[in-house]
Amino acid sequence: MERHRVGIVIPALNEAATIGKVVENVSPFGLAIVVDDGSQDETRELAEAAGAAVVRHPDNRGYDEALNSGFACADKLGCEYVITMDADGQHDSNMLATFITALDDGGDVVVGIREYRQRVAEHIFAWVASIKWGIRDPMCGMKAYRITVYRELGHFDSSDSIGTELTFYAANSGRRIVQLPVKTRERTSQPRFGRRYSANKRILQAVWRSLRAQRLPAKAST
């Protein structure tokens, strides 16, 4: 497998406890691209030591901006596919082979489906996305994309969509969406989106923005 054919974008904020192992686990499947989003610990140093390409934000810009930077880096490096994963070790790296195969077999976007969701707002988002776009778990952090989909839109996110804008764009454009079950491990670090009230509020705002932004609803194939 060509190392730079697949870019694995991993947004990270103060993930020194897990980032080295995550990079080590994903490296057999592609090039780990860690976006250090203003960490105050040794996230960057440990990611580099494990062999990742690191994009450094001097301050915390948030999840979607980290993914924007990661996709831009993958595009610059000539990656054909880009896969997003969390830095906390929740995602099973062995699933990467299955995601890559789904793209090789003609998928344009691959979306993970978790066995559970943590917040009420995530269930609401999933219900809306399933009706509007056929996407069963839009907030799963493990997704895979052909770089051509990203290039066509011109960015990963422009509206604080919590990692969903490019997926919905692909569905609206008639791209082939493949959805695969993924297992997640228990998170040991702090939740990415903060405490329960603020997280639910942010997710519901993303639902509203997504509904306003998408003008051509289309069901995704499975």
N, C-alpha and C. Protein backbone atom coordinates (compact mmCIF):
# COMPACT_ATOMS: atom_id res chain seq x y z
N MET A 1 0.85 -1.20 0.00
CA MET A 1 0.00 0.00 0.00
C MET A 1 0.88 1.24 0.00
N GLU A 2 0.61 2.15 -0.90
CA GLU A 2 1.41 3.37 -0.99
C GLU A 2 1.16 4.25 0.22
N ARG A 3 2.24 4.64 0.87
CA ARG A 3 2.10 5.38 2.14
C ARG A 3 1.38 6.71 1.96
N HIS A 4 1.64 7.42 0.86
CA HIS A 4 1.03 8.73 0.68
C HIS A 4 -0.26 8.67 -0.14
N ARG A 5 -0.69 7.52 -0.54
CA ARG A 5 -1.98 7.41 -1.22
C ARG A 5 -3.11 7.73 -0.26
N VAL A 6 -2.90 7.41 1.01
CA VAL A 6 -3.92 7.61 2.04
C VAL A 6 -3.38 8.55 3.10
N GLY A 7 -4.08 9.65 3.33
CA GLY A 7 -3.75 10.55 4.43
C GLY A 7 -4.75 10.35 5.55
N ILE A 8 -4.26 10.15 6.76
CA ILE A 8 -5.14 9.91 7.91
C ILE A 8 -5.05 11.13 8.82
N VAL A 9 -6.08 11.97 8.76
CA VAL A 9 -6.07 13.25 9.46
C VAL A 9 -6.60 13.06 10.88
N ILE A 10 -5.80 13.49 11.84
CA ILE A 10 -6.11 13.29 13.26
C ILE A 10 -6.04 14.62 13.99
N PRO A 11 -7.19 15.29 14.22
CA PRO A 11 -7.17 16.52 15.02
C PRO A 11 -6.81 16.18 16.47
N ALA A 12 -5.98 16.99 17.09
CA ALA A 12 -5.53 16.67 18.44
C ALA A 12 -5.38 17.92 19.28
N LEU A 13 -5.93 17.87 20.48
CA LEU A 13 -5.79 18.94 21.46
C LEU A 13 -5.44 18.31 22.80
N ASN A 14 -4.21 18.50 23.22
CA ASN A 14 -3.73 17.96 24.50
C ASN A 14 -3.98 16.46 24.60
N GLU A 15 -3.50 15.72 23.61
CA GLU A 15 -3.69 14.27 23.56
C GLU A 15 -2.35 13.54 23.70
N ALA A 16 -1.46 14.07 24.53
CA ALA A 16 -0.14 13.45 24.71
C ALA A 16 -0.24 12.02 25.22
N ALA A 17 -1.27 11.72 25.98
CA ALA A 17 -1.40 10.39 26.57
C ALA A 17 -1.67 9.31 25.54
N THR A 18 -2.24 9.68 24.39
CA THR A 18 -2.67 8.67 23.42
C THR A 18 -2.09 8.85 22.02
N ILE A 19 -1.62 10.03 21.67
CA ILE A 19 -1.33 10.33 20.27
C ILE A 19 -0.23 9.44 19.69
N GLY A 20 0.80 9.13 20.48
CA GLY A 20 1.87 8.30 19.95
C GLY A 20 1.38 6.93 19.53
N LYS A 21 0.56 6.31 20.35
CA LYS A 21 0.02 4.99 20.05
C LYS A 21 -0.93 5.04 18.87
N VAL A 22 -1.75 6.09 18.80
CA VAL A 22 -2.68 6.23 17.68
C VAL A 22 -1.90 6.33 16.37
N VAL A 23 -0.87 7.17 16.33
CA VAL A 23 -0.07 7.31 15.11
C VAL A 23 0.59 5.98 14.76
N GLU A 24 1.12 5.31 15.73
CA GLU A 24 1.76 4.01 15.50
C GLU A 24 0.76 3.02 14.90
N ASN A 25 -0.46 3.01 15.41
CA ASN A 25 -1.47 2.05 14.95
C ASN A 25 -1.97 2.33 13.53
N VAL A 26 -2.05 3.61 13.15
CA VAL A 26 -2.60 3.93 11.83
C VAL A 26 -1.55 3.93 10.74
N SER A 27 -0.27 4.03 11.10
CA SER A 27 0.78 4.20 10.11
C SER A 27 0.88 3.08 9.07
N PRO A 28 0.56 1.82 9.41
CA PRO A 28 0.59 0.79 8.36
C PRO A 28 -0.42 1.02 7.24
N PHE A 29 -1.40 1.89 7.46
CA PHE A 29 -2.48 2.08 6.48
C PHE A 29 -2.33 3.36 5.67
N GLY A 30 -1.45 4.26 6.09
CA GLY A 30 -1.29 5.52 5.38
C GLY A 30 -0.43 6.48 6.16
N LEU A 31 -0.39 7.71 5.71
CA LEU A 31 0.40 8.75 6.37
C LEU A 31 -0.44 9.44 7.43
N ALA A 32 -0.04 9.35 8.68
CA ALA A 32 -0.73 10.07 9.76
C ALA A 32 -0.43 11.55 9.65
N ILE A 33 -1.49 12.36 9.59
CA ILE A 33 -1.37 13.82 9.56
C ILE A 33 -2.04 14.34 10.82
N VAL A 34 -1.25 14.67 11.81
CA VAL A 34 -1.79 15.15 13.08
C VAL A 34 -1.88 16.67 13.04
N VAL A 35 -3.04 17.20 13.35
CA VAL A 35 -3.21 18.64 13.45
C VAL A 35 -3.23 19.00 14.93
N ASP A 36 -2.12 19.55 15.40
CA ASP A 36 -2.00 19.95 16.80
C ASP A 36 -2.70 21.30 16.96
N ASP A 37 -3.89 21.27 17.53
CA ASP A 37 -4.74 22.46 17.56
C ASP A 37 -4.51 23.28 18.83
N GLY A 38 -3.28 23.77 18.98
CA GLY A 38 -2.97 24.64 20.11
C GLY A 38 -2.74 23.90 21.41
N SER A 39 -2.22 22.67 21.35
CA SER A 39 -2.00 21.90 22.57
C SER A 39 -0.98 22.57 23.49
N GLN A 40 -1.18 22.36 24.79
CA GLN A 40 -0.27 22.89 25.80
C GLN A 40 0.61 21.79 26.39
N ASP A 41 0.48 20.58 25.83
CA ASP A 41 1.31 19.47 26.30
C ASP A 41 2.27 19.03 25.18
N GLU A 42 2.72 17.80 25.20
CA GLU A 42 3.71 17.32 24.24
C GLU A 42 3.08 16.60 23.05
N THR A 43 1.85 16.93 22.71
CA THR A 43 1.18 16.27 21.60
C THR A 43 2.00 16.33 20.32
N ARG A 44 2.48 17.52 19.95
CA ARG A 44 3.23 17.67 18.71
C ARG A 44 4.50 16.83 18.71
N GLU A 45 5.28 16.93 19.78
CA GLU A 45 6.55 16.23 19.84
C GLU A 45 6.36 14.71 19.76
N LEU A 46 5.36 14.21 20.46
CA LEU A 46 5.13 12.77 20.48
C LEU A 46 4.59 12.28 19.14
N ALA A 47 3.76 13.09 18.49
CA ALA A 47 3.25 12.72 17.17
C ALA A 47 4.39 12.65 16.16
N GLU A 48 5.26 13.65 16.18
CA GLU A 48 6.41 13.65 15.27
C GLU A 48 7.33 12.48 15.54
N ALA A 49 7.56 12.17 16.80
CA ALA A 49 8.44 11.06 17.16
C ALA A 49 7.88 9.73 16.67
N ALA A 50 6.55 9.63 16.60
CA ALA A 50 5.90 8.40 16.14
C ALA A 50 5.85 8.31 14.61
N GLY A 51 6.25 9.40 13.92
CA GLY A 51 6.31 9.36 12.47
C GLY A 51 5.24 10.13 11.74
N ALA A 52 4.44 10.92 12.45
CA ALA A 52 3.37 11.67 11.80
C ALA A 52 3.89 12.95 11.16
N ALA A 53 3.20 13.38 10.10
CA ALA A 53 3.34 14.75 9.63
C ALA A 53 2.47 15.61 10.53
N VAL A 54 3.00 16.71 11.03
CA VAL A 54 2.26 17.52 12.00
C VAL A 54 2.01 18.92 11.45
N VAL A 55 0.75 19.32 11.52
CA VAL A 55 0.36 20.71 11.23
C VAL A 55 0.09 21.36 12.57
N ARG A 56 0.72 22.47 12.83
CA ARG A 56 0.65 23.11 14.15
C ARG A 56 -0.19 24.37 14.10
N HIS A 57 -1.24 24.44 14.92
CA HIS A 57 -1.97 25.68 15.16
C HIS A 57 -1.41 26.31 16.43
N PRO A 58 -0.97 27.56 16.38
CA PRO A 58 -0.42 28.18 17.58
C PRO A 58 -1.45 28.40 18.68
N ASP A 59 -2.74 28.44 18.28
CA ASP A 59 -3.81 28.55 19.28
C ASP A 59 -4.93 27.61 18.88
N ASN A 60 -5.85 27.40 19.80
CA ASN A 60 -6.94 26.47 19.57
C ASN A 60 -7.99 27.08 18.64
N ARG A 61 -8.19 26.46 17.47
CA ARG A 61 -9.13 26.98 16.48
C ARG A 61 -10.38 26.13 16.34
N GLY A 62 -10.41 24.99 17.00
CA GLY A 62 -11.60 24.16 16.98
C GLY A 62 -11.51 22.99 16.01
N TYR A 63 -12.42 22.06 16.17
CA TYR A 63 -12.41 20.79 15.45
C TYR A 63 -12.46 20.97 13.94
N ASP A 64 -13.39 21.77 13.46
CA ASP A 64 -13.55 21.92 12.01
C ASP A 64 -12.36 22.62 11.37
N GLU A 65 -11.80 23.61 12.04
CA GLU A 65 -10.62 24.27 11.49
C GLU A 65 -9.42 23.33 11.48
N ALA A 66 -9.34 22.46 12.47
CA ALA A 66 -8.27 21.46 12.46
C ALA A 66 -8.42 20.53 11.26
N LEU A 67 -9.64 20.12 10.98
CA LEU A 67 -9.87 19.27 9.81
C LEU A 67 -9.60 20.02 8.51
N ASN A 68 -9.97 21.28 8.44
CA ASN A 68 -9.63 22.08 7.26
C ASN A 68 -8.12 22.06 7.00
N SER A 69 -7.34 22.26 8.04
CA SER A 69 -5.88 22.27 7.90
C SER A 69 -5.36 20.90 7.51
N GLY A 70 -5.94 19.86 8.09
CA GLY A 70 -5.50 18.51 7.78
C GLY A 70 -5.78 18.12 6.34
N PHE A 71 -6.95 18.48 5.84
CA PHE A 71 -7.29 18.18 4.45
C PHE A 71 -6.41 18.96 3.48
N ALA A 72 -6.14 20.23 3.82
CA ALA A 72 -5.26 21.03 2.97
C ALA A 72 -3.87 20.40 2.89
N CYS A 73 -3.38 19.89 4.01
CA CYS A 73 -2.08 19.23 4.03
C CYS A 73 -2.11 17.95 3.19
N ALA A 74 -3.16 17.14 3.35
CA ALA A 74 -3.28 15.90 2.59
C ALA A 74 -3.33 16.18 1.09
N ASP A 75 -4.06 17.23 0.71
CA ASP A 75 -4.15 17.61 -0.69
C ASP A 75 -2.78 18.02 -1.23
N LYS A 76 -2.07 18.81 -0.45
CA LYS A 76 -0.73 19.26 -0.85
C LYS A 76 0.24 18.09 -1.01
N LEU A 77 0.07 17.07 -0.19
CA LEU A 77 0.94 15.90 -0.25
C LEU A 77 0.53 14.92 -1.35
N GLY A 78 -0.57 15.22 -2.04
CA GLY A 78 -1.00 14.38 -3.15
C GLY A 78 -1.77 13.14 -2.76
N CYS A 79 -2.37 13.14 -1.59
CA CYS A 79 -3.14 11.97 -1.16
C CYS A 79 -4.38 11.77 -2.04
N GLU A 80 -4.67 10.53 -2.34
CA GLU A 80 -5.86 10.18 -3.11
C GLU A 80 -7.08 10.07 -2.21
N TYR A 81 -6.86 9.51 -1.02
CA TYR A 81 -7.92 9.33 -0.04
C TYR A 81 -7.53 10.06 1.25
N VAL A 82 -8.56 10.54 1.97
CA VAL A 82 -8.33 11.13 3.29
C VAL A 82 -9.30 10.49 4.27
N ILE A 83 -8.77 10.01 5.38
CA ILE A 83 -9.59 9.40 6.43
C ILE A 83 -9.42 10.23 7.70
N THR A 84 -10.53 10.52 8.38
CA THR A 84 -10.46 11.25 9.64
C THR A 84 -10.64 10.29 10.80
N MET A 85 -9.87 10.51 11.85
CA MET A 85 -9.95 9.71 13.07
C MET A 85 -9.72 10.60 14.28
N ASP A 86 -10.22 10.16 15.43
CA ASP A 86 -9.98 10.89 16.67
C ASP A 86 -8.62 10.53 17.24
N ALA A 87 -8.09 11.45 18.04
CA ALA A 87 -6.76 11.28 18.61
C ALA A 87 -6.76 10.58 19.96
N ASP A 88 -7.92 10.29 20.49
CA ASP A 88 -8.02 9.75 21.84
C ASP A 88 -7.99 8.23 21.91
N GLY A 89 -7.85 7.56 20.76
CA GLY A 89 -7.78 6.11 20.76
C GLY A 89 -9.11 5.42 20.75
N GLN A 90 -10.20 6.16 20.60
CA GLN A 90 -11.52 5.54 20.58
C GLN A 90 -11.76 4.68 19.34
N HIS A 91 -11.19 5.08 18.21
CA HIS A 91 -11.45 4.37 16.96
C HIS A 91 -10.48 3.21 16.77
N ASP A 92 -11.00 2.11 16.26
CA ASP A 92 -10.21 0.92 15.99
C ASP A 92 -9.48 1.10 14.67
N SER A 93 -8.16 1.18 14.73
CA SER A 93 -7.38 1.42 13.52
C SER A 93 -7.50 0.28 12.51
N ASN A 94 -7.86 -0.91 12.96
CA ASN A 94 -8.01 -2.03 12.04
C ASN A 94 -9.14 -1.81 11.04
N MET A 95 -10.06 -0.90 11.36
CA MET A 95 -11.14 -0.59 10.44
C MET A 95 -10.66 0.20 9.23
N LEU A 96 -9.47 0.76 9.30
CA LEU A 96 -8.96 1.57 8.20
C LEU A 96 -8.89 0.76 6.91
N ALA A 97 -8.48 -0.49 7.00
CA ALA A 97 -8.39 -1.33 5.81
C ALA A 97 -9.75 -1.48 5.15
N THR A 98 -10.80 -1.63 5.96
CA THR A 98 -12.15 -1.78 5.42
C THR A 98 -12.62 -0.49 4.76
N PHE A 99 -12.30 0.64 5.37
CA PHE A 99 -12.67 1.94 4.79
C PHE A 99 -11.96 2.16 3.45
N ILE A 100 -10.68 1.82 3.40
CA ILE A 100 -9.92 1.99 2.16
C ILE A 100 -10.47 1.09 1.07
N THR A 101 -10.82 -0.15 1.42
CA THR A 101 -11.40 -1.07 0.45
C THR A 101 -12.72 -0.53 -0.10
N ALA A 102 -13.53 0.08 0.77
CA ALA A 102 -14.80 0.66 0.32
C ALA A 102 -14.58 1.76 -0.70
N LEU A 103 -13.53 2.57 -0.53
CA LEU A 103 -13.20 3.60 -1.51
C LEU A 103 -12.66 2.96 -2.79
N ASP A 104 -11.81 1.95 -2.63
CA ASP A 104 -11.27 1.25 -3.81
C ASP A 104 -12.39 0.63 -4.64
N ASP A 105 -13.46 0.23 -3.98
CA ASP A 105 -14.58 -0.42 -4.66
C ASP A 105 -15.58 0.56 -5.25
N GLY A 106 -15.27 1.86 -5.19
CA GLY A 106 -16.12 2.84 -5.84
C GLY A 106 -16.83 3.82 -4.95
N GLY A 107 -16.68 3.69 -3.65
CA GLY A 107 -17.28 4.67 -2.75
C GLY A 107 -16.59 6.02 -2.87
N ASP A 108 -17.35 7.08 -2.68
CA ASP A 108 -16.77 8.43 -2.67
C ASP A 108 -16.55 8.93 -1.25
N VAL A 109 -17.46 8.55 -0.35
CA VAL A 109 -17.34 8.89 1.07
C VAL A 109 -17.76 7.66 1.86
N VAL A 110 -17.03 7.38 2.93
CA VAL A 110 -17.37 6.28 3.83
C VAL A 110 -17.63 6.88 5.20
N VAL A 111 -18.77 6.57 5.77
CA VAL A 111 -19.18 7.12 7.06
C VAL A 111 -19.31 6.00 8.08
N GLY A 112 -18.65 6.15 9.21
CA GLY A 112 -18.78 5.16 10.28
C GLY A 112 -20.10 5.30 11.00
N ILE A 113 -20.61 4.19 11.48
CA ILE A 113 -21.83 4.16 12.29
C ILE A 113 -21.47 3.58 13.64
N ARG A 114 -21.51 4.39 14.67
CA ARG A 114 -21.18 3.93 16.02
C ARG A 114 -22.29 3.09 16.62
N GLU A 115 -21.93 2.27 17.61
CA GLU A 115 -22.94 1.45 18.27
C GLU A 115 -23.75 2.24 19.29
N TYR A 116 -23.25 3.40 19.70
CA TYR A 116 -24.00 4.25 20.62
C TYR A 116 -23.59 5.70 20.41
N ARG A 117 -24.46 6.61 20.85
CA ARG A 117 -24.15 8.04 20.79
C ARG A 117 -24.26 8.61 22.20
N GLN A 118 -23.41 9.57 22.51
CA GLN A 118 -23.28 10.04 23.88
C GLN A 118 -24.35 11.04 24.30
N ARG A 119 -24.86 11.83 23.35
CA ARG A 119 -25.70 12.97 23.71
C ARG A 119 -27.04 12.95 23.00
N VAL A 120 -28.03 13.57 23.66
CA VAL A 120 -29.37 13.66 23.07
C VAL A 120 -29.31 14.36 21.73
N ALA A 121 -28.54 15.45 21.64
CA ALA A 121 -28.46 16.21 20.40
C ALA A 121 -27.88 15.39 19.26
N GLU A 122 -27.01 14.44 19.58
CA GLU A 122 -26.47 13.57 18.53
C GLU A 122 -27.55 12.68 17.95
N HIS A 123 -28.46 12.21 18.78
CA HIS A 123 -29.58 11.41 18.29
C HIS A 123 -30.48 12.25 17.38
N ILE A 124 -30.68 13.50 17.77
CA ILE A 124 -31.51 14.40 16.94
C ILE A 124 -30.84 14.64 15.60
N PHE A 125 -29.53 14.92 15.63
CA PHE A 125 -28.78 15.16 14.40
C PHE A 125 -28.86 13.92 13.49
N ALA A 126 -28.68 12.74 14.09
CA ALA A 126 -28.73 11.50 13.31
C ALA A 126 -30.11 11.30 12.69
N TRP A 127 -31.16 11.62 13.43
CA TRP A 127 -32.53 11.48 12.92
C TRP A 127 -32.75 12.41 11.73
N VAL A 128 -32.33 13.67 11.88
CA VAL A 128 -32.49 14.64 10.79
C VAL A 128 -31.67 14.22 9.57
N ALA A 129 -30.40 13.84 9.81
CA ALA A 129 -29.52 13.48 8.70
C ALA A 129 -30.01 12.23 7.98
N SER A 130 -30.60 11.30 8.72
CA SER A 130 -31.11 10.09 8.10
C SER A 130 -32.28 10.40 7.17
N ILE A 131 -33.16 11.30 7.60
CA ILE A 131 -34.31 11.67 6.78
C ILE A 131 -33.88 12.49 5.56
N LYS A 132 -33.01 13.47 5.77
CA LYS A 132 -32.65 14.40 4.70
C LYS A 132 -31.63 13.83 3.72
N TRP A 133 -30.64 13.09 4.24
CA TRP A 133 -29.54 12.66 3.39
C TRP A 133 -29.26 11.16 3.42
N GLY A 134 -30.00 10.42 4.26
CA GLY A 134 -29.73 8.99 4.38
C GLY A 134 -28.48 8.67 5.18
N ILE A 135 -27.96 9.65 5.93
CA ILE A 135 -26.74 9.47 6.72
C ILE A 135 -27.14 9.11 8.15
N ARG A 136 -26.76 7.93 8.60
CA ARG A 136 -27.26 7.42 9.87
C ARG A 136 -26.51 7.94 11.10
N ASP A 137 -25.25 8.29 10.95
CA ASP A 137 -24.46 8.76 12.10
C ASP A 137 -23.52 9.87 11.64
N PRO A 138 -24.06 11.05 11.36
CA PRO A 138 -23.24 12.12 10.76
C PRO A 138 -22.08 12.57 11.62
N MET A 139 -22.18 12.42 12.94
CA MET A 139 -21.13 12.93 13.82
C MET A 139 -20.05 11.92 14.16
N CYS A 140 -20.11 10.74 13.58
CA CYS A 140 -19.02 9.80 13.80
C CYS A 140 -17.72 10.42 13.27
N GLY A 141 -16.69 10.43 14.08
CA GLY A 141 -15.44 11.08 13.68
C GLY A 141 -14.60 10.27 12.71
N MET A 142 -14.99 9.03 12.46
CA MET A 142 -14.26 8.19 11.52
C MET A 142 -15.00 8.17 10.19
N LYS A 143 -14.44 8.89 9.22
CA LYS A 143 -14.99 8.96 7.88
C LYS A 143 -13.83 8.92 6.88
N ALA A 144 -14.16 8.57 5.63
CA ALA A 144 -13.14 8.52 4.58
C ALA A 144 -13.69 9.19 3.33
N TYR A 145 -12.80 9.86 2.58
CA TYR A 145 -13.24 10.65 1.43
C TYR A 145 -12.25 10.49 0.29
N ARG A 146 -12.75 10.51 -0.93
CA ARG A 146 -11.88 10.74 -2.07
C ARG A 146 -11.49 12.22 -2.05
N ILE A 147 -10.23 12.50 -2.33
CA ILE A 147 -9.77 13.89 -2.30
C ILE A 147 -10.50 14.72 -3.36
N THR A 148 -11.00 14.06 -4.43
CA THR A 148 -11.71 14.79 -5.48
C THR A 148 -12.99 15.44 -4.96
N VAL A 149 -13.63 14.82 -3.96
CA VAL A 149 -14.84 15.42 -3.37
C VAL A 149 -14.46 16.71 -2.64
N TYR A 150 -13.37 16.66 -1.89
CA TYR A 150 -12.87 17.84 -1.18
C TYR A 150 -12.49 18.94 -2.16
N ARG A 151 -11.80 18.58 -3.22
CA ARG A 151 -11.37 19.59 -4.20
C ARG A 151 -12.58 20.22 -4.89
N GLU A 152 -13.58 19.44 -5.12
CA GLU A 152 -14.78 19.96 -5.79
C GLU A 152 -15.47 21.01 -4.94
N LEU A 153 -15.59 20.75 -3.65
CA LEU A 153 -16.23 21.73 -2.75
C LEU A 153 -15.28 22.89 -2.46
N GLY A 154 -14.00 22.61 -2.36
CA GLY A 154 -13.01 23.66 -2.12
C GLY A 154 -12.61 23.86 -0.68
N HIS A 155 -13.22 23.12 0.23
CA HIS A 155 -12.87 23.18 1.65
C HIS A 155 -13.52 21.99 2.34
N PHE A 156 -13.13 21.75 3.57
CA PHE A 156 -13.79 20.71 4.35
C PHE A 156 -15.02 21.26 5.06
N ASP A 157 -14.85 22.42 5.68
CA ASP A 157 -15.95 23.01 6.45
C ASP A 157 -15.89 24.53 6.34
N SER A 158 -17.07 25.14 6.28
CA SER A 158 -17.14 26.59 6.26
C SER A 158 -18.16 27.14 7.25
N SER A 159 -18.79 26.25 8.03
CA SER A 159 -19.92 26.71 8.85
C SER A 159 -19.97 26.09 10.24
N ASP A 160 -18.83 25.59 10.76
CA ASP A 160 -18.81 24.95 12.07
C ASP A 160 -19.84 23.81 12.11
N SER A 161 -19.71 22.91 11.15
CA SER A 161 -20.69 21.83 10.98
C SER A 161 -20.39 20.61 11.81
N ILE A 162 -19.33 20.64 12.62
CA ILE A 162 -18.86 19.51 13.43
C ILE A 162 -18.58 18.31 12.53
N GLY A 163 -17.83 18.56 11.49
CA GLY A 163 -17.34 17.48 10.65
C GLY A 163 -18.35 16.86 9.71
N THR A 164 -19.41 17.61 9.34
CA THR A 164 -20.46 17.01 8.51
C THR A 164 -20.66 17.66 7.14
N GLU A 165 -20.15 18.85 6.94
CA GLU A 165 -20.47 19.59 5.71
C GLU A 165 -20.05 18.85 4.44
N LEU A 166 -18.84 18.31 4.41
CA LEU A 166 -18.37 17.64 3.20
C LEU A 166 -19.19 16.38 2.91
N THR A 167 -19.58 15.67 3.96
CA THR A 167 -20.42 14.48 3.77
C THR A 167 -21.76 14.84 3.17
N PHE A 168 -22.40 15.88 3.70
CA PHE A 168 -23.70 16.29 3.18
C PHE A 168 -23.57 16.82 1.75
N TYR A 169 -22.47 17.52 1.48
CA TYR A 169 -22.24 17.99 0.12
C TYR A 169 -22.14 16.80 -0.84
N ALA A 170 -21.42 15.77 -0.43
CA ALA A 170 -21.27 14.60 -1.29
C ALA A 170 -22.62 13.93 -1.54
N ALA A 171 -23.45 13.83 -0.51
CA ALA A 171 -24.78 13.23 -0.68
C ALA A 171 -25.64 14.07 -1.62
N ASN A 172 -25.59 15.39 -1.43
CA ASN A 172 -26.37 16.29 -2.30
C ASN A 172 -25.91 16.21 -3.74
N SER A 173 -24.64 15.92 -3.95
CA SER A 173 -24.07 15.88 -5.29
C SER A 173 -24.24 14.53 -5.98
N GLY A 174 -24.91 13.61 -5.31
CA GLY A 174 -25.14 12.31 -5.90
C GLY A 174 -23.94 11.38 -5.80
N ARG A 175 -22.98 11.72 -4.97
CA ARG A 175 -21.83 10.84 -4.77
C ARG A 175 -22.26 9.57 -4.02
N ARG A 176 -21.47 8.53 -4.19
CA ARG A 176 -21.80 7.26 -3.53
C ARG A 176 -21.30 7.29 -2.10
N ILE A 177 -22.22 7.15 -1.15
CA ILE A 177 -21.90 7.13 0.27
C ILE A 177 -22.02 5.71 0.78
N VAL A 178 -20.97 5.22 1.39
CA VAL A 178 -20.96 3.89 2.00
C VAL A 178 -20.96 4.08 3.52
N GLN A 179 -21.78 3.32 4.22
CA GLN A 179 -21.87 3.44 5.67
C GLN A 179 -21.53 2.10 6.31
N LEU A 180 -20.58 2.14 7.26
CA LEU A 180 -20.05 0.92 7.86
C LEU A 180 -20.10 1.01 9.38
N PRO A 181 -20.46 -0.06 10.06
CA PRO A 181 -20.44 -0.03 11.53
C PRO A 181 -19.01 0.03 12.05
N VAL A 182 -18.80 0.83 13.08
CA VAL A 182 -17.49 0.90 13.72
C VAL A 182 -17.67 0.76 15.23
N LYS A 183 -16.72 0.11 15.86
CA LYS A 183 -16.72 -0.01 17.31
C LYS A 183 -15.87 1.11 17.89
N THR A 184 -16.31 1.66 18.99
CA THR A 184 -15.54 2.71 19.66
C THR A 184 -15.20 2.28 21.07
N ARG A 185 -14.00 2.66 21.51
CA ARG A 185 -13.58 2.37 22.87
C ARG A 185 -13.98 3.53 23.78
N GLU A 186 -13.99 3.27 25.07
CA GLU A 186 -14.35 4.31 26.04
C GLU A 186 -13.32 5.41 26.03
N ARG A 187 -13.78 6.65 26.03
CA ARG A 187 -12.89 7.81 26.05
C ARG A 187 -12.36 8.04 27.45
N THR A 188 -11.04 8.25 27.55
CA THR A 188 -10.42 8.48 28.86
C THR A 188 -10.12 9.95 29.11
N SER A 189 -10.03 10.75 28.04
CA SER A 189 -9.74 12.18 28.18
C SER A 189 -11.03 12.98 28.20
N GLN A 190 -10.90 14.30 28.28
CA GLN A 190 -12.07 15.17 28.32
C GLN A 190 -12.83 15.14 26.99
N PRO A 191 -14.17 15.22 27.02
CA PRO A 191 -14.93 15.25 25.77
C PRO A 191 -14.52 16.41 24.88
N ARG A 192 -14.52 16.18 23.56
CA ARG A 192 -14.06 17.18 22.60
C ARG A 192 -14.91 18.43 22.63
N PHE A 193 -16.22 18.28 22.83
CA PHE A 193 -17.13 19.41 22.69
C PHE A 193 -17.59 19.99 24.03
N GLY A 194 -16.89 19.66 25.10
CA GLY A 194 -17.20 20.29 26.37
C GLY A 194 -18.30 19.59 27.14
N ARG A 195 -18.86 20.30 28.11
CA ARG A 195 -19.86 19.72 29.00
C ARG A 195 -21.19 19.49 28.28
N ARG A 196 -22.07 18.76 28.95
CA ARG A 196 -23.29 18.27 28.30
C ARG A 196 -24.13 19.38 27.70
N TYR A 197 -24.41 20.44 28.48
CA TYR A 197 -25.30 21.50 27.97
C TYR A 197 -24.68 22.21 26.78
N SER A 198 -23.42 22.63 26.91
CA SER A 198 -22.78 23.37 25.82
C SER A 198 -22.60 22.50 24.59
N ALA A 199 -22.30 21.21 24.80
CA ALA A 199 -22.13 20.30 23.66
C ALA A 199 -23.45 20.11 22.92
N ASN A 200 -24.52 19.87 23.67
CA ASN A 200 -25.82 19.69 23.02
C ASN A 200 -26.25 20.95 22.27
N LYS A 201 -25.99 22.10 22.87
CA LYS A 201 -26.34 23.36 22.21
C LYS A 201 -25.57 23.52 20.91
N ARG A 202 -24.28 23.24 20.94
CA ARG A 202 -23.46 23.38 19.73
C ARG A 202 -23.92 22.42 18.64
N ILE A 203 -24.24 21.21 19.01
CA ILE A 203 -24.69 20.22 18.02
C ILE A 203 -26.01 20.64 17.39
N LEU A 204 -26.94 21.12 18.20
CA LEU A 204 -28.23 21.57 17.66
C LEU A 204 -28.05 22.77 16.73
N GLN A 205 -27.11 23.64 17.06
CA GLN A 205 -26.81 24.76 16.16
C GLN A 205 -26.27 24.25 14.82
N ALA A 206 -25.44 23.20 14.88
CA ALA A 206 -24.91 22.61 13.64
C ALA A 206 -26.02 21.99 12.81
N VAL A 207 -27.00 21.38 13.48
CA VAL A 207 -28.15 20.82 12.76
C VAL A 207 -28.86 21.93 11.99
N TRP A 208 -29.12 23.03 12.66
CA TRP A 208 -29.83 24.14 12.04
C TRP A 208 -29.04 24.71 10.87
N ARG A 209 -27.74 24.90 11.06
CA ARG A 209 -26.92 25.43 9.97
C ARG A 209 -26.89 24.48 8.79
N SER A 210 -26.83 23.19 9.06
CA SER A 210 -26.80 22.21 7.98
C SER A 210 -28.09 22.24 7.18
N LEU A 211 -29.22 22.35 7.86
CA LEU A 211 -30.50 22.41 7.16
C LEU A 211 -30.62 23.67 6.32
N ARG A 212 -30.11 24.76 6.81
CA ARG A 212 -30.15 26.01 6.05
C ARG A 212 -29.22 25.98 4.85
N ALA A 213 -28.07 25.32 5.02
CA ALA A 213 -27.05 25.36 3.97
C ALA A 213 -27.34 24.41 2.82
N GLN A 214 -27.98 23.30 3.10
CA GLN A 214 -28.17 22.29 2.07
C GLN A 214 -29.48 22.54 1.33
N ARG A 215 -29.37 22.79 0.04
CA ARG A 215 -30.54 23.14 -0.77
C ARG A 215 -31.09 22.00 -1.61
N LEU A 216 -30.28 20.93 -1.77
CA LEU A 216 -30.69 19.84 -2.65
C LEU A 216 -30.62 18.52 -1.91
N PRO A 217 -31.54 18.23 -1.01
CA PRO A 217 -31.48 17.00 -0.25
C PRO A 217 -31.53 15.77 -1.14
N ALA A 218 -30.65 14.80 -0.83
CA ALA A 218 -30.62 13.58 -1.61
C ALA A 218 -30.23 12.43 -0.70
N LYS A 219 -30.87 11.31 -0.86
CA LYS A 219 -30.57 10.14 -0.04
C LYS A 219 -29.27 9.52 -0.48
N ALA A 220 -28.49 9.05 0.48
CA ALA A 220 -27.23 8.40 0.16
C ALA A 220 -27.45 6.92 -0.07
N SER A 221 -26.63 6.34 -0.95
CA SER A 221 -26.69 4.90 -1.16
C SER A 221 -25.96 4.19 -0.02
N THR A 222 -26.30 2.95 0.24
CA THR A 222 -25.67 2.19 1.30
C THR A 222 -25.12 0.89 0.77
